[in-house]
Amino acid sequence: MGLFDMFKGDSQEMTPHLAFAISLVYMISSDGNIANEEVGQLLAVLGGEEKDGVIGVGANNRQLLDRAVKYTRNHSPTQFLEEAAPILTDAQKICILTNMLDSSLADGQAAGSEQALFNQFLTAFGISETRFKPYFEVLVLKSDHSVFTNANHPKNQVEKVQLIL
């Protein structure tokens, strides 16, 4: 151990909750532009609270967010995935992926760098696109508010059900 190794990163153990926070921090910073909507999404997911009209991270999650930010500064997503993927359950992986996707869509569209990061996580977690597709479709629809303003939106079309008698 070198003299300055203590400054390199977080020496605390990786936990599923920390992995969740780290994943979201990677996502919101992946395109180099952290939009207000992305910060709002992060705070909502981590348990933000309002004080004097300003939304911030609750005291219980301030340490979690600080650890997540520190980790992302000192580790690449590849390093993180090697450490985190083995400790996560299938449900935790799906939860992380759905929240990452929701975060990437918070500002209206997923940038190329966000898509690449998401695909990296999908692969590292061993989740196929086919398996994730139903979650993807729900989140895309959740973020597509044009279903209210465009009567010709494909999702607004009534499906004709043919009954076989």
Protein backbone atom coordinates (compact mmCIF):
# COMPACT_ATOMS: atom_id res chain seq x y z
CA MET A 1 0.00 0.00 0.00
CA GLY A 2 1.45 3.34 -1.07
CA LEU A 3 1.26 6.49 1.00
CA PHE A 4 -1.49 8.02 -1.09
CA ASP A 5 -3.62 4.88 -1.62
CA MET A 6 -5.99 6.02 1.12
CA PHE A 7 -7.16 8.81 -1.18
CA LYS A 8 -7.92 6.58 -4.18
CA GLY A 9 -11.38 5.44 -3.30
CA ASP A 10 -13.97 4.18 -0.93
CA SER A 11 -12.64 1.36 1.20
CA GLN A 12 -16.09 0.36 2.41
CA GLU A 13 -17.70 -2.81 1.14
CA MET A 14 -19.90 -2.77 -1.95
CA THR A 15 -23.55 -3.36 -1.09
CA PRO A 16 -26.58 -3.71 -3.37
CA HIS A 17 -27.92 -0.33 -2.18
CA LEU A 18 -24.60 1.36 -2.89
CA ALA A 19 -24.47 -0.38 -6.29
CA PHE A 20 -27.92 1.06 -7.05
CA ALA A 21 -26.81 4.61 -6.22
CA ILE A 22 -23.54 4.25 -8.14
CA SER A 23 -25.38 2.98 -11.22
CA LEU A 24 -27.64 6.03 -11.25
CA VAL A 25 -24.72 8.42 -10.79
CA TYR A 26 -22.92 6.80 -13.72
CA MET A 27 -26.06 7.20 -15.84
CA ILE A 28 -26.79 10.84 -15.08
CA SER A 29 -23.16 11.80 -15.70
CA SER A 30 -22.57 9.60 -18.76
CA ASP A 31 -23.37 12.25 -21.35
CA GLY A 32 -21.30 14.95 -19.65
CA ASN A 33 -24.41 17.03 -19.00
CA ILE A 34 -26.36 16.55 -15.79
CA ALA A 35 -29.86 17.85 -16.48
CA ASN A 36 -32.16 19.09 -13.73
CA GLU A 37 -34.64 16.34 -14.61
CA GLU A 38 -31.95 13.71 -14.07
CA VAL A 39 -31.01 15.15 -10.68
CA GLY A 40 -34.69 15.23 -9.75
CA GLN A 41 -35.03 11.59 -10.77
CA LEU A 42 -31.98 10.64 -8.70
CA LEU A 43 -33.25 12.49 -5.64
CA ALA A 44 -36.70 10.97 -5.97
CA VAL A 45 -35.27 7.46 -6.19
CA LEU A 46 -32.79 7.91 -3.34
CA GLY A 47 -35.33 9.58 -1.08
CA GLY A 48 -35.09 13.30 -1.61
CA GLU A 49 -36.79 15.63 0.79
CA GLU A 50 -37.97 19.21 0.56
CA LYS A 51 -36.76 21.90 2.95
CA ASP A 52 -37.57 25.57 2.47
CA GLY A 53 -38.75 24.92 -1.09
CA VAL A 54 -35.51 23.21 -2.12
CA ILE A 55 -35.37 19.49 -2.79
CA GLY A 56 -32.27 17.77 -1.51
CA VAL A 57 -31.09 14.37 -0.45
CA GLY A 58 -32.38 13.32 2.94
CA ALA A 59 -29.85 13.00 5.72
CA ASN A 60 -30.17 9.22 5.61
CA ASN A 61 -29.13 9.11 1.97
CA ARG A 62 -26.55 11.93 1.91
CA GLN A 63 -23.80 9.49 2.91
CA LEU A 64 -24.96 6.98 0.30
CA LEU A 65 -24.91 9.61 -2.46
CA ASP A 66 -21.53 10.95 -1.34
CA ARG A 67 -20.05 7.43 -1.41
CA ALA A 68 -21.57 6.80 -4.86
CA VAL A 69 -20.13 10.01 -6.32
CA LYS A 70 -16.71 9.32 -4.78
CA TYR A 71 -16.76 5.78 -6.18
CA THR A 72 -17.62 6.92 -9.72
CA ARG A 73 -14.74 9.39 -9.68
CA ASN A 74 -12.25 6.64 -8.87
CA HIS A 75 -13.59 3.61 -10.79
CA SER A 76 -14.65 2.98 -14.36
CA PRO A 77 -18.06 1.44 -15.08
CA THR A 78 -16.22 -1.75 -16.12
CA GLN A 79 -14.48 -1.97 -12.73
CA PHE A 80 -17.76 -1.30 -10.99
CA LEU A 81 -19.63 -3.99 -12.92
CA GLU A 82 -16.94 -6.57 -12.14
CA GLU A 83 -17.36 -5.78 -8.44
CA ALA A 84 -21.12 -5.27 -8.25
CA ALA A 85 -22.68 -7.80 -10.64
CA PRO A 86 -21.78 -10.87 -8.56
CA ILE A 87 -23.41 -9.51 -5.38
CA LEU A 88 -26.72 -8.47 -6.98
CA THR A 89 -29.82 -10.62 -7.22
CA ASP A 90 -31.76 -10.82 -10.46
CA ALA A 91 -34.46 -8.53 -9.03
CA GLN A 92 -31.84 -5.96 -7.99
CA LYS A 93 -30.31 -6.02 -11.48
CA ILE A 94 -33.71 -5.43 -13.11
CA CYS A 95 -34.45 -2.65 -10.61
CA ILE A 96 -31.13 -0.96 -11.39
CA LEU A 97 -31.68 -1.28 -15.15
CA THR A 98 -35.23 0.10 -15.05
CA ASN A 99 -34.14 3.05 -12.93
CA MET A 100 -31.14 3.72 -15.17
CA LEU A 101 -33.39 3.70 -18.23
CA ASP A 102 -35.93 5.94 -16.52
CA SER A 103 -33.14 8.34 -15.59
CA SER A 104 -31.79 8.39 -19.14
CA LEU A 105 -35.25 9.28 -20.45
CA ALA A 106 -35.88 11.96 -17.78
CA ASP A 107 -34.63 14.77 -20.03
CA GLY A 108 -36.64 13.57 -23.03
CA GLN A 109 -34.29 11.21 -24.84
CA ALA A 110 -31.44 8.83 -24.16
CA ALA A 111 -28.15 10.19 -25.50
CA GLY A 112 -25.81 7.83 -27.34
CA SER A 113 -23.46 7.66 -24.35
CA GLU A 114 -26.43 6.79 -22.08
CA GLN A 115 -27.51 4.05 -24.47
CA ALA A 116 -23.98 2.63 -24.58
CA LEU A 117 -23.71 2.63 -20.78
CA PHE A 118 -27.11 1.00 -20.43
CA ASN A 119 -26.13 -1.73 -22.90
CA GLN A 120 -22.88 -2.30 -21.00
CA PHE A 121 -24.86 -2.85 -17.78
CA LEU A 122 -27.42 -5.06 -19.55
CA THR A 123 -24.64 -7.30 -20.85
CA ALA A 124 -22.69 -7.39 -17.57
CA PHE A 125 -25.87 -8.29 -15.68
CA GLY A 126 -26.61 -11.13 -18.10
CA ILE A 127 -30.04 -9.75 -19.04
CA SER A 128 -31.03 -10.19 -22.68
CA GLU A 129 -32.70 -7.44 -24.69
CA THR A 130 -35.62 -9.79 -25.29
CA ARG A 131 -36.14 -10.30 -21.58
CA PHE A 132 -35.83 -6.58 -20.83
CA LYS A 133 -38.06 -5.43 -23.72
CA PRO A 134 -41.37 -5.33 -21.74
CA TYR A 135 -39.78 -3.06 -19.10
CA PHE A 136 -38.30 -0.92 -21.86
CA GLU A 137 -41.66 -0.47 -23.60
CA VAL A 138 -43.40 0.56 -20.39
CA LEU A 139 -40.74 3.15 -19.54
CA VAL A 140 -40.69 4.56 -23.06
CA LEU A 141 -44.48 4.95 -22.96
CA LYS A 142 -44.26 6.52 -19.47
CA SER A 143 -41.93 9.16 -20.88
CA ASP A 144 -43.89 9.76 -24.11
CA HIS A 145 -46.40 12.44 -23.18
CA SER A 146 -47.28 12.99 -26.83
CA VAL A 147 -49.93 10.29 -26.37
CA PHE A 148 -51.99 13.12 -24.85
CA THR A 149 -51.38 15.68 -27.57
CA ASN A 150 -51.25 13.57 -30.72
CA ALA A 151 -54.52 11.84 -31.53
CA ASN A 152 -52.74 9.90 -34.30
CA HIS A 153 -50.08 8.53 -32.00
CA PRO A 154 -49.72 4.78 -32.72
CA LYS A 155 -50.33 3.92 -29.07
CA ASN A 156 -53.68 5.76 -29.21
CA GLN A 157 -55.03 3.53 -31.93
CA VAL A 158 -57.74 1.15 -30.83
CA GLU A 159 -56.72 -2.41 -31.37
CA LYS A 160 -59.29 -4.46 -33.17
CA VAL A 161 -59.82 -7.73 -31.45
CA GLN A 162 -61.10 -10.53 -33.60
CA LEU A 163 -63.22 -13.01 -31.76
CA ILE A 164 -63.14 -16.52 -32.98
CA LEU A 165 -66.43 -18.26 -32.36
